[in-house]
Amino acid sequence: MTSCSCHSSVSNTTAPTFSQYNLVIPLADMTDVLVFNSLIGSAVLVSPEIAEAMTSFLPRAHGPYKLFRQFGSTSSTYHKAGFGNELNLPANTIQTLTELGMIVSSQVEEQTRIDSMLKSYWHPTTLKLTLAYTANCQMACSYCFQSGRALSQKHSPELRNSTVQWVQQYLNEHPEIKDVHLGLFGGEPLADIDLANAYVSELLQLTSRGQLGFSMSLTTNGLNLNRALVLDWKDKGLQYIRVTLDGPPAIHDQRRHLHSGKGTFKTILHNLCSIANIDGFGLGVSIN
């Protein structure tokens, strides 16, 4: 058993400390506590003692769950309690939490990592468009932020034309743009395949005339996903598909069901399996 002699303070931003992106989440019927680092995307179960050290370091967030987080605060309470301040941690625990990004060498080091990550997302020669051209969706998810919308809402032909014209005007005004990326979103973007194909076709023609690169991505519930569509769009520049599955069937079907109440897990998994062996694009699964 070893202990760390590092101490945190309000002014010391170069000492080892807990990451400001840790979320500490107590779990029902469990003694250990789940910690998720939203910067790295790592997760681990820790003892209540380690969880208490983390939660005393991070101010409490409001909401129905006991989540504890802090983003970039410079307030005087930021280092109320920190790594090694009131807790002796075994060396292997320190090593594991450091590898998971939950302990960082300093606030400065973590901020440098964040700055580098943000810069990697910046592509000044690429125009990235996200089009939510339909509000329609087959699902009635319990947590949908678009609930209450009129499902019949969608882009009219006039709006589609003006959108493409805006893209053309933007490209004319920004000759530094070399690539256009189209993100298809909704509602459920595959609920209106004809409108999706119209946008893909018109933007592909527009970029071809300007000798620009074209790529696309899709965020979908997966119900209308099929092999023929993916093969067609892959040839036109499809790079990535993101599909949502909220855990195993019993949990998913309770949260992501049709308006009739029927579950959707089996259909989505079948559709995913039908395209899983197609090379040349990325396939990701999101979990809410």
Foldseek 3Di string as FASTA:
>chain_A
DFFDPWFDALPFFQAKWFDLQWKWFQDPPDQWIWIARPVQGDIDTDGVVVSVQVQQQFDFDDDDTGITHHDPDSDRSNPVDTGRRPDGDDPVVVVVCVVRVRIDSGNVVVVVVVVVVVVVPDDPQEAEEEDAFFAAAQKDFPPDPSPPDDRGGGDDPVNLVVVLVVVLVVCVVCVSHAEYEYEYDHNFRVVCVVVVVVSLVSVLVSCVVVVHHYAYEYEHQQLPAAQVVCVVRLVSHYAEYEHEAADDQVVRLCGIHGPVSHGDVVNNVVNCVRNVPPDDHYYYYDHD
